[in-house]
PDB file of N, CA and C in Angstrom:
ATOM      1  N   UNK A   1     154.297  66.079 128.613  1.00  0.00           N
ATOM      2  CA  UNK A   1     153.421  66.939 127.855  1.00  0.00           C
ATOM      3  C   UNK A   1     153.026  66.187 126.567  1.00  0.00           C
ATOM      4  N   UNK A   2     151.978  65.240 126.730  1.00  0.00           N
ATOM      5  CA  UNK A   2     151.550  64.558 125.607  1.00  0.00           C
ATOM      6  C   UNK A   2     150.283  65.205 125.175  1.00  0.00           C
ATOM      7  N   UNK A   3     150.214  65.314 123.847  1.00  0.00           N
ATOM      8  CA  UNK A   3     148.999  65.955 123.144  1.00  0.00           C
ATOM      9  C   UNK A   3     148.010  64.822 122.808  1.00  0.00           C
ATOM     10  N   UNK A   4     146.762  65.123 122.880  1.00  0.00           N
ATOM     11  CA  UNK A   4     145.818  64.111 122.494  1.00  0.00           C
ATOM     12  C   UNK A   4     145.455  64.339 120.981  1.00  0.00           C
ATOM     13  N   UNK A   5     145.910  63.347 120.244  1.00  0.00           N
ATOM     14  CA  UNK A   5     145.833  63.484 118.649  1.00  0.00           C
ATOM     15  C   UNK A   5     144.571  62.782 118.347  1.00  0.00           C
ATOM     16  N   UNK A   6     143.874  62.089 119.203  1.00  0.00           N
ATOM     17  CA  UNK A   6     142.788  61.252 118.830  1.00  0.00           C
ATOM     18  C   UNK A   6     141.448  61.925 118.768  1.00  0.00           C
ATOM     19  N   UNK A   7     141.461  63.330 119.041  1.00  0.00           N
ATOM     20  CA  UNK A   7     140.315  64.043 119.195  1.00  0.00           C
ATOM     21  C   UNK A   7     139.566  64.173 117.880  1.00  0.00           C
ATOM     22  N   UNK A   8     138.249  63.910 117.780  1.00  0.00           N
ATOM     23  CA  UNK A   8     137.464  63.998 116.591  1.00  0.00           C
ATOM     24  C   UNK A   8     136.937  65.522 116.397  1.00  0.00           C
ATOM     25  N   UNK A   9     136.952  65.889 115.136  1.00  0.00           N
ATOM     26  CA  UNK A   9     136.330  67.278 114.915  1.00  0.00           C
ATOM     27  C   UNK A   9     134.842  67.274 115.247  1.00  0.00           C
ATOM     28  N   UNK A  10     134.472  68.440 115.682  1.00  0.00           N
ATOM     29  CA  UNK A  10     132.989  68.604 116.050  1.00  0.00           C
ATOM     30  C   UNK A  10     132.120  68.587 114.772  1.00  0.00           C
ATOM     31  N   UNK A  11     130.935  68.038 114.988  1.00  0.00           N
ATOM     32  CA  UNK A  11     129.996  67.811 113.849  1.00  0.00           C
ATOM     33  C   UNK A  11     128.910  68.903 114.046  1.00  0.00           C
ATOM     34  N   UNK A  12     128.429  69.512 112.951  1.00  0.00           N
ATOM     35  CA  UNK A  12     127.393  70.399 113.112  1.00  0.00           C
ATOM     36  C   UNK A  12     126.096  69.646 113.078  1.00  0.00           C
ATOM     37  N   UNK A  13     125.139  70.305 113.900  1.00  0.00           N
ATOM     38  CA  UNK A  13     123.890  69.798 113.956  1.00  0.00           C
ATOM     39  C   UNK A  13     123.105  70.301 112.783  1.00  0.00           C
ATOM     40  N   UNK A  14     122.214  69.248 112.360  1.00  0.00           N
ATOM     41  CA  UNK A  14     121.319  69.691 111.165  1.00  0.00           C
ATOM     42  C   UNK A  14     120.228  70.656 111.531  1.00  0.00           C
ATOM     43  N   UNK A  15     120.167  71.627 110.744  1.00  0.00           N
ATOM     44  CA  UNK A  15     119.110  72.754 110.910  1.00  0.00           C
ATOM     45  C   UNK A  15     117.770  72.174 110.500  1.00  0.00           C
ATOM     46  N   UNK A  16     116.739  72.526 111.104  1.00  0.00           N
ATOM     47  CA  UNK A  16     115.382  72.207 110.575  1.00  0.00           C
ATOM     48  C   UNK A  16     115.060  73.004 109.299  1.00  0.00           C
ATOM     49  N   UNK A  17     114.486  72.359 108.289  1.00  0.00           N
ATOM     50  CA  UNK A  17     114.261  73.139 107.071  1.00  0.00           C
ATOM     51  C   UNK A  17     113.131  73.993 107.233  1.00  0.00           C
ATOM     52  N   UNK A  18     113.166  75.172 106.685  1.00  0.00           N
ATOM     53  CA  UNK A  18     112.161  76.233 106.743  1.00  0.00           C
ATOM     54  C   UNK A  18     111.356  76.260 105.469  1.00  0.00           C
ATOM     55  N   UNK A  19     110.034  76.518 105.696  1.00  0.00           N
ATOM     56  CA  UNK A  19     109.221  76.494 104.541  1.00  0.00           C
ATOM     57  C   UNK A  19     109.193  77.982 103.857  1.00  0.00           C
ATOM     58  N   UNK A  20     110.077  78.229 102.860  1.00  0.00           N
ATOM     59  CA  UNK A  20     110.251  79.600 102.363  1.00  0.00           C
ATOM     60  C   UNK A  20     109.011  79.979 101.546  1.00  0.00           C
ATOM     61  N   UNK A  21     108.270  79.129 100.996  1.00  0.00           N
ATOM     62  CA  UNK A  21     107.114  79.454 100.230  1.00  0.00           C
ATOM     63  C   UNK A  21     106.098  80.125 100.992  1.00  0.00           C
ATOM     64  N   UNK A  22     105.840  79.743 102.195  1.00  0.00           N
ATOM     65  CA  UNK A  22     104.714  80.204 103.015  1.00  0.00           C
ATOM     66  C   UNK A  22     105.058  81.544 103.638  1.00  0.00           C
ATOM     67  N   UNK A  23     106.324  81.875 103.858  1.00  0.00           N
ATOM     68  CA  UNK A  23     106.584  83.163 104.619  1.00  0.00           C
ATOM     69  C   UNK A  23     106.838  84.212 103.528  1.00  0.00           C
ATOM     70  N   UNK A  24     106.063  85.297 103.594  1.00  0.00           N
ATOM     71  CA  UNK A  24     106.212  86.439 102.565  1.00  0.00           C
ATOM     72  C   UNK A  24     107.566  87.153 102.974  1.00  0.00           C
ATOM     73  N   UNK A  25     108.163  87.705 101.991  1.00  0.00           N
ATOM     74  CA  UNK A  25     109.383  88.378 102.161  1.00  0.00           C
ATOM     75  C   UNK A  25     109.006  89.803 102.735  1.00  0.00           C
ATOM     76  N   UNK A  26     109.689  90.301 103.779  1.00  0.00           N
ATOM     77  CA  UNK A  26     109.322  91.587 104.370  1.00  0.00           C
ATOM     78  C   UNK A  26     109.776  92.732 103.507  1.00  0.00           C
ATOM     79  N   UNK A  27     109.013  93.746 103.423  1.00  0.00           N
ATOM     80  CA  UNK A  27     109.286  94.854 102.507  1.00  0.00           C
ATOM     81  C   UNK A  27     110.636  95.544 103.122  1.00  0.00           C
ATOM     82  N   UNK A  28     111.509  95.870 102.248  1.00  0.00           N
ATOM     83  CA  UNK A  28     112.800  96.429 102.729  1.00  0.00           C
ATOM     84  C   UNK A  28     112.456  98.014 102.968  1.00  0.00           C
ATOM     85  N   UNK A  29     113.030  98.399 104.127  1.00  0.00           N
ATOM     86  CA  UNK A  29     112.754  99.893 104.383  1.00  0.00           C
ATOM     87  C   UNK A  29     113.913 100.561 103.733  1.00  0.00           C
ATOM     88  N   UNK A  30     113.588 101.797 103.238  1.00  0.00           N
ATOM     89  CA  UNK A  30     114.658 102.541 102.446  1.00  0.00           C
ATOM     90  C   UNK A  30     115.759 102.988 103.459  1.00  0.00           C
ATOM     91  N   UNK A  31     116.981 102.839 103.017  1.00  0.00           N
ATOM     92  CA  UNK A  31     118.201 103.264 103.787  1.00  0.00           C
ATOM     93  C   UNK A  31     118.222 104.805 103.803  1.00  0.00           C
ATOM     94  N   UNK A  32     119.089 105.417 104.635  1.00  0.00           N
ATOM     95  CA  UNK A  32     119.230 106.864 104.663  1.00  0.00           C
ATOM     96  C   UNK A  32     119.823 107.323 103.330  1.00  0.00           C
ATOM     97  N   UNK A  33     120.664 106.548 102.658  1.00  0.00           N
ATOM     98  CA  UNK A  33     121.145 107.012 101.439  1.00  0.00           C
ATOM     99  C   UNK A  33     120.141 106.990 100.255  1.00  0.00           C
ATOM    100  N   UNK A  34     119.176 105.984 100.418  1.00  0.00           N
ATOM    101  CA  UNK A  34     117.975 105.959  99.616  1.00  0.00           C
ATOM    102  C   UNK A  34     117.109 107.232  99.683  1.00  0.00           C
ATOM    103  N   UNK A  35     116.934 107.600 100.950  1.00  0.00           N
ATOM    104  CA  UNK A  35     116.166 108.810 101.386  1.00  0.00           C
ATOM    105  C   UNK A  35     116.852 110.144 100.825  1.00  0.00           C
ATOM    106  N   UNK A  36     118.250 110.108 100.866  1.00  0.00           N
ATOM    107  CA  UNK A  36     118.898 111.264 100.314  1.00  0.00           C
ATOM    108  C   UNK A  36     118.666 111.364  98.730  1.00  0.00           C
ATOM    109  N   UNK A  37     118.775 110.173  98.191  1.00  0.00           N
ATOM    110  CA  UNK A  37     118.703 110.149  96.733  1.00  0.00           C
ATOM    111  C   UNK A  37     117.354 110.504  96.300  1.00  0.00           C
ATOM    112  N   UNK A  38     116.304 110.095  96.978  1.00  0.00           N
ATOM    113  CA  UNK A  38     114.867 110.432  96.696  1.00  0.00           C
ATOM    114  C   UNK A  38     114.716 112.043  96.776  1.00  0.00           C
ATOM    115  N   UNK A  39     115.351 112.630  97.813  1.00  0.00           N
ATOM    116  CA  UNK A  39     115.173 114.009  98.088  1.00  0.00           C
ATOM    117  C   UNK A  39     115.938 114.781  96.926  1.00  0.00           C
ATOM    118  N   UNK A  40     117.128 114.254  96.622  1.00  0.00           N
ATOM    119  CA  UNK A  40     117.917 114.980  95.609  1.00  0.00           C
ATOM    120  C   UNK A  40     117.427 114.879  94.158  1.00  0.00           C
ATOM    121  N   UNK A  41     116.695 113.731  93.831  1.00  0.00           N
ATOM    122  CA  UNK A  41     116.181 113.523  92.460  1.00  0.00           C
ATOM    123  C   UNK A  41     114.816 114.235  92.330  1.00  0.00           C
ATOM    124  N   UNK A  42     114.280 114.854  93.220  1.00  0.00           N
ATOM    125  CA  UNK A  42     112.955 115.525  93.169  1.00  0.00           C
ATOM    126  C   UNK A  42     113.212 116.672  92.304  1.00  0.00           C
ATOM    127  N   UNK A  43     112.213 117.352  91.752  1.00  0.00           N
ATOM    128  CA  UNK A  43     112.374 118.490  90.842  1.00  0.00           C
ATOM    129  C   UNK A  43     112.841 119.655  91.535  1.00  0.00           C
ATOM    130  N   UNK A  44     112.455 119.835  92.800  1.00  0.00           N
ATOM    131  CA  UNK A  44     112.930 120.956  93.612  1.00  0.00           C
ATOM    132  C   UNK A  44     114.245 120.782  94.182  1.00  0.00           C
ATOM    133  N   UNK A  45     114.748 119.623  94.275  1.00  0.00           N
ATOM    134  CA  UNK A  45     116.100 119.257  94.913  1.00  0.00           C
ATOM    135  C   UNK A  45     115.915 119.405  96.457  1.00  0.00           C
ATOM    136  N   UNK A  46     116.890 119.582  97.139  1.00  0.00           N
ATOM    137  CA  UNK A  46     116.856 119.726  98.556  1.00  0.00           C
ATOM    138  C   UNK A  46     117.993 120.499  99.138  1.00  0.00           C
ATOM    139  N   UNK A  47     117.750 121.070 100.293  1.00  0.00           N
ATOM    140  CA  UNK A  47     118.726 121.852 101.054  1.00  0.00           C
ATOM    141  C   UNK A  47     119.442 120.916 101.964  1.00  0.00           C
ATOM    142  N   UNK A  48     120.583 121.457 102.492  1.00  0.00           N
ATOM    143  CA  UNK A  48     121.377 120.652 103.451  1.00  0.00           C
ATOM    144  C   UNK A  48     120.451 120.324 104.734  1.00  0.00           C
ATOM    145  N   UNK A  49     119.691 121.388 105.098  1.00  0.00           N
ATOM    146  CA  UNK A  49     118.821 121.465 106.317  1.00  0.00           C
ATOM    147  C   UNK A  49     117.831 120.278 106.039  1.00  0.00           C
ATOM    148  N   UNK A  50     117.170 120.297 104.950  1.00  0.00           N
ATOM    149  CA  UNK A  50     116.206 119.223 104.695  1.00  0.00           C
ATOM    150  C   UNK A  50     116.728 117.786 104.784  1.00  0.00           C
ATOM    151  N   UNK A  51     117.939 117.657 104.242  1.00  0.00           N
ATOM    152  CA  UNK A  51     118.555 116.354 104.156  1.00  0.00           C
ATOM    153  C   UNK A  51     118.994 115.974 105.656  1.00  0.00           C
ATOM    154  N   UNK A  52     119.465 116.889 106.430  1.00  0.00           N
ATOM    155  CA  UNK A  52     119.716 116.699 107.866  1.00  0.00           C
ATOM    156  C   UNK A  52     118.559 116.196 108.589  1.00  0.00           C
ATOM    157  N   UNK A  53     117.410 116.820 108.375  1.00  0.00           N
ATOM    158  CA  UNK A  53     116.200 116.543 109.096  1.00  0.00           C
ATOM    159  C   UNK A  53     115.748 115.145 108.631  1.00  0.00           C
ATOM    160  N   UNK A  54     115.827 114.775 107.365  1.00  0.00           N
ATOM    161  CA  UNK A  54     115.409 113.485 106.930  1.00  0.00           C
ATOM    162  C   UNK A  54     116.181 112.285 107.408  1.00  0.00           C
ATOM    163  N   UNK A  55     117.453 112.509 107.523  1.00  0.00           N
ATOM    164  CA  UNK A  55     118.301 111.442 107.965  1.00  0.00           C
ATOM    165  C   UNK A  55     118.687 111.476 109.475  1.00  0.00           C
ATOM    166  N   UNK A  56     118.689 112.621 110.118  1.00  0.00           N
ATOM    167  CA  UNK A  56     119.283 112.681 111.426  1.00  0.00           C
ATOM    168  C   UNK A  56     120.694 112.872 111.502  1.00  0.00           C
ATOM    169  N   UNK A  57     121.323 113.069 110.305  1.00  0.00           N
ATOM    170  CA  UNK A  57     122.814 113.223 110.251  1.00  0.00           C
ATOM    171  C   UNK A  57     123.194 114.694 110.419  1.00  0.00           C
ATOM    172  N   UNK A  58     124.469 114.926 110.775  1.00  0.00           N
ATOM    173  CA  UNK A  58     125.108 116.185 110.829  1.00  0.00           C
ATOM    174  C   UNK A  58     125.421 116.720 109.473  1.00  0.00           C
ATOM    175  N   UNK A  59     125.712 117.932 109.348  1.00  0.00           N
ATOM    176  CA  UNK A  59     125.976 118.540 108.036  1.00  0.00           C
ATOM    177  C   UNK A  59     126.998 117.946 107.300  1.00  0.00           C
ATOM    178  N   UNK A  60     128.126 117.675 108.051  1.00  0.00           N
ATOM    179  CA  UNK A  60     129.405 117.155 107.266  1.00  0.00           C
ATOM    180  C   UNK A  60     129.109 115.702 106.856  1.00  0.00           C
ATOM    181  N   UNK A  61     128.239 115.014 107.542  1.00  0.00           N
ATOM    182  CA  UNK A  61     127.957 113.667 107.075  1.00  0.00           C
ATOM    183  C   UNK A  61     127.157 113.638 105.820  1.00  0.00           C
ATOM    184  N   UNK A  62     126.095 114.637 105.692  1.00  0.00           N
ATOM    185  CA  UNK A  62     125.305 114.728 104.476  1.00  0.00           C
ATOM    186  C   UNK A  62     126.143 115.037 103.331  1.00  0.00           C
ATOM    187  N   UNK A  63     127.095 115.980 103.534  1.00  0.00           N
ATOM    188  CA  UNK A  63     128.067 116.366 102.413  1.00  0.00           C
ATOM    189  C   UNK A  63     128.823 115.313 102.042  1.00  0.00           C
ATOM    190  N   UNK A  64     129.374 114.457 102.951  1.00  0.00           N
ATOM    191  CA  UNK A  64     130.299 113.292 102.746  1.00  0.00           C
ATOM    192  C   UNK A  64     129.509 112.286 101.944  1.00  0.00           C
ATOM    193  N   UNK A  65     128.303 111.981 102.339  1.00  0.00           N
ATOM    194  CA  UNK A  65     127.428 111.102 101.571  1.00  0.00           C
ATOM    195  C   UNK A  65     127.283 111.411 100.190  1.00  0.00           C
ATOM    196  N   UNK A  66     126.960 112.768  99.864  1.00  0.00           N
ATOM    197  CA  UNK A  66     126.834 113.271  98.454  1.00  0.00           C
ATOM    198  C   UNK A  66     128.112 113.162  97.744  1.00  0.00           C
ATOM    199  N   UNK A  67     129.242 113.433  98.311  1.00  0.00           N
ATOM    200  CA  UNK A  67     130.495 113.432  97.714  1.00  0.00           C
ATOM    201  C   UNK A  67     130.971 112.028  97.522  1.00  0.00           C
ATOM    202  N   UNK A  68     130.672 111.085  98.252  1.00  0.00           N
ATOM    203  CA  UNK A  68     131.152 109.784  98.164  1.00  0.00           C
ATOM    204  C   UNK A  68     130.158 108.721  97.640  1.00  0.00           C
ATOM    205  N   UNK A  69     129.236 108.242  98.602  1.00  0.00           N
ATOM    206  CA  UNK A  69     128.352 107.100  98.235  1.00  0.00           C
ATOM    207  C   UNK A  69     127.306 107.380  97.166  1.00  0.00           C
ATOM    208  N   UNK A  70     126.826 108.716  97.155  1.00  0.00           N
ATOM    209  CA  UNK A  70     125.831 108.865  96.032  1.00  0.00           C
ATOM    210  C   UNK A  70     126.495 109.075  94.630  1.00  0.00           C
ATOM    211  N   UNK A  71     127.717 109.548  94.594  1.00  0.00           N
ATOM    212  CA  UNK A  71     128.439 109.613  93.318  1.00  0.00           C
ATOM    213  C   UNK A  71     128.694 108.255  92.892  1.00  0.00           C
ATOM    214  N   UNK A  72     129.133 107.418  93.859  1.00  0.00           N
ATOM    215  CA  UNK A  72     129.421 105.987  93.435  1.00  0.00           C
ATOM    216  C   UNK A  72     128.239 105.264  92.922  1.00  0.00           C
ATOM    217  N   UNK A  73     127.091 105.716  93.206  1.00  0.00           N
ATOM    218  CA  UNK A  73     125.755 105.187  92.724  1.00  0.00           C
ATOM    219  C   UNK A  73     125.479 105.669  91.260  1.00  0.00           C
ATOM    220  N   UNK A  74     126.360 106.604  90.860  1.00  0.00           N
ATOM    221  CA  UNK A  74     126.235 107.101  89.559  1.00  0.00           C
ATOM    222  C   UNK A  74     125.469 108.410  89.420  1.00  0.00           C
ATOM    223  N   UNK A  75     125.160 109.064  90.421  1.00  0.00           N
ATOM    224  CA  UNK A  75     124.391 110.289  90.423  1.00  0.00           C
ATOM    225  C   UNK A  75     125.369 111.505  90.060  1.00  0.00           C
ATOM    226  N   UNK A  76     124.864 112.329  89.325  1.00  0.00           N
ATOM    227  CA  UNK A  76     125.600 113.641  89.124  1.00  0.00           C
ATOM    228  C   UNK A  76     124.931 114.751  89.917  1.00  0.00           C
ATOM    229  N   UNK A  77     125.592 115.275  90.861  1.00  0.00           N
ATOM    230  CA  UNK A  77     124.942 116.181  91.890  1.00  0.00           C
ATOM    231  C   UNK A  77     125.400 117.615  91.460  1.00  0.00           C
ATOM    232  N   UNK A  78     124.444 118.531  91.359  1.00  0.00           N
ATOM    233  CA  UNK A  78     124.689 119.782  91.062  1.00  0.00           C
ATOM    234  C   UNK A  78     124.037 120.685  92.257  1.00  0.00           C
ATOM    235  N   UNK A  79     124.572 121.915  92.310  1.00  0.00           N
ATOM    236  CA  UNK A  79     123.958 122.882  93.371  1.00  0.00           C
ATOM    237  C   UNK A  79     123.732 124.237  92.709  1.00  0.00           C
ATOM    238  N   UNK A  80     122.814 124.928  93.311  1.00  0.00           N
ATOM    239  CA  UNK A  80     122.343 126.210  92.789  1.00  0.00           C
ATOM    240  C   UNK A  80     121.947 127.096  93.938  1.00  0.00           C
ATOM    241  N   UNK A  81     122.395 128.305  93.925  1.00  0.00           N
ATOM    242  CA  UNK A  81     121.984 129.172  95.100  1.00  0.00           C
ATOM    243  C   UNK A  81     120.980 130.160  94.600  1.00  0.00           C
ATOM    244  N   UNK A  82     119.793 130.088  95.204  1.00  0.00           N
ATOM    245  CA  UNK A  82     118.679 130.861  94.928  1.00  0.00           C
ATOM    246  C   UNK A  82     118.117 131.433  96.233  1.00  0.00           C
ATOM    247  N   UNK A  83     117.863 132.749  96.242  1.00  0.00           N
ATOM    248  CA  UNK A  83     117.334 133.416  97.433  1.00  0.00           C
ATOM    249  C   UNK A  83     118.116 133.109  98.759  1.00  0.00           C
ATOM    250  N   UNK A  84     119.360 133.028  98.564  1.00  0.00           N
ATOM    251  CA  UNK A  84     120.254 132.799  99.684  1.00  0.00           C
ATOM    252  C   UNK A  84     120.283 131.335 100.241  1.00  0.00           C
ATOM    253  N   UNK A  85     119.577 130.512  99.567  1.00  0.00           N
ATOM    254  CA  UNK A  85     119.548 129.039  99.984  1.00  0.00           C
ATOM    255  C   UNK A  85     120.179 128.229  98.837  1.00  0.00           C
ATOM    256  N   UNK A  86     121.072 127.304  99.123  1.00  0.00           N
ATOM    257  CA  UNK A  86     121.661 126.375  98.224  1.00  0.00           C
ATOM    258  C   UNK A  86     120.873 125.149  98.115  1.00  0.00           C
ATOM    259  N   UNK A  87     120.416 124.813  96.873  1.00  0.00           N
ATOM    260  CA  UNK A  87     119.652 123.579  96.622  1.00  0.00           C
ATOM    261  C   UNK A  87     120.487 122.646  95.751  1.00  0.00           C
ATOM    262  N   UNK A  88     120.491 121.462  96.255  1.00  0.00           N
ATOM    263  CA  UNK A  88     121.258 120.410  95.580  1.00  0.00           C
ATOM    264  C   UNK A  88     120.232 119.558  94.848  1.00  0.00           C
ATOM    265  N   UNK A  89     120.673 119.148  93.595  1.00  0.00           N
ATOM    266  CA  UNK A  89     119.863 118.202  92.769  1.00  0.00           C
ATOM    267  C   UNK A  89     120.754 117.189  92.135  1.00  0.00           C
ATOM    268  N   UNK A  90     120.193 116.018  91.952  1.00  0.00           N
ATOM    269  CA  UNK A  90     120.878 114.897  91.381  1.00  0.00           C
ATOM    270  C   UNK A  90     120.144 114.357  90.132  1.00  0.00           C
ATOM    271  N   UNK A  91     120.921 113.948  89.152  1.00  0.00           N
ATOM    272  CA  UNK A  91     120.345 113.197  88.049  1.00  0.00           C
ATOM    273  C   UNK A  91     121.213 112.091  87.719  1.00  0.00           C
ATOM    274  N   UNK A  92     120.688 111.178  87.017  1.00  0.00           N
ATOM    275  CA  UNK A  92     121.458 110.085  86.514  1.00  0.00           C
ATOM    276  C   UNK A  92     121.923 110.398  85.098  1.00  0.00           C
ATOM    277  N   UNK A  93     123.204 110.180  84.777  1.00  0.00           N
ATOM    278  CA  UNK A  93     123.662 110.537  83.412  1.00  0.00           C
ATOM    279  C   UNK A  93     123.030 109.712  82.290  1.00  0.00           C
TER     280      UNK A  93
END
């Protein structure tokens, strides 16, 4: 059982250089968290149903995003119940 110790490491092939000045950068589409932030920062705020419709998420996922990721972004989220509907609003401190 002899091992072949003379084997050379693989070399990477050179990549062709791309012309970055000619290609325009594509516009970034807003993420679902960005969509939630936009809804919550509006003057009217948003209901859970509106946030679910905008993202396609289930209710527990919307609540989890508000409690976790959006608070990590620095938003202060408040809720208010009017006419039997709970509206959530977010502001930056």
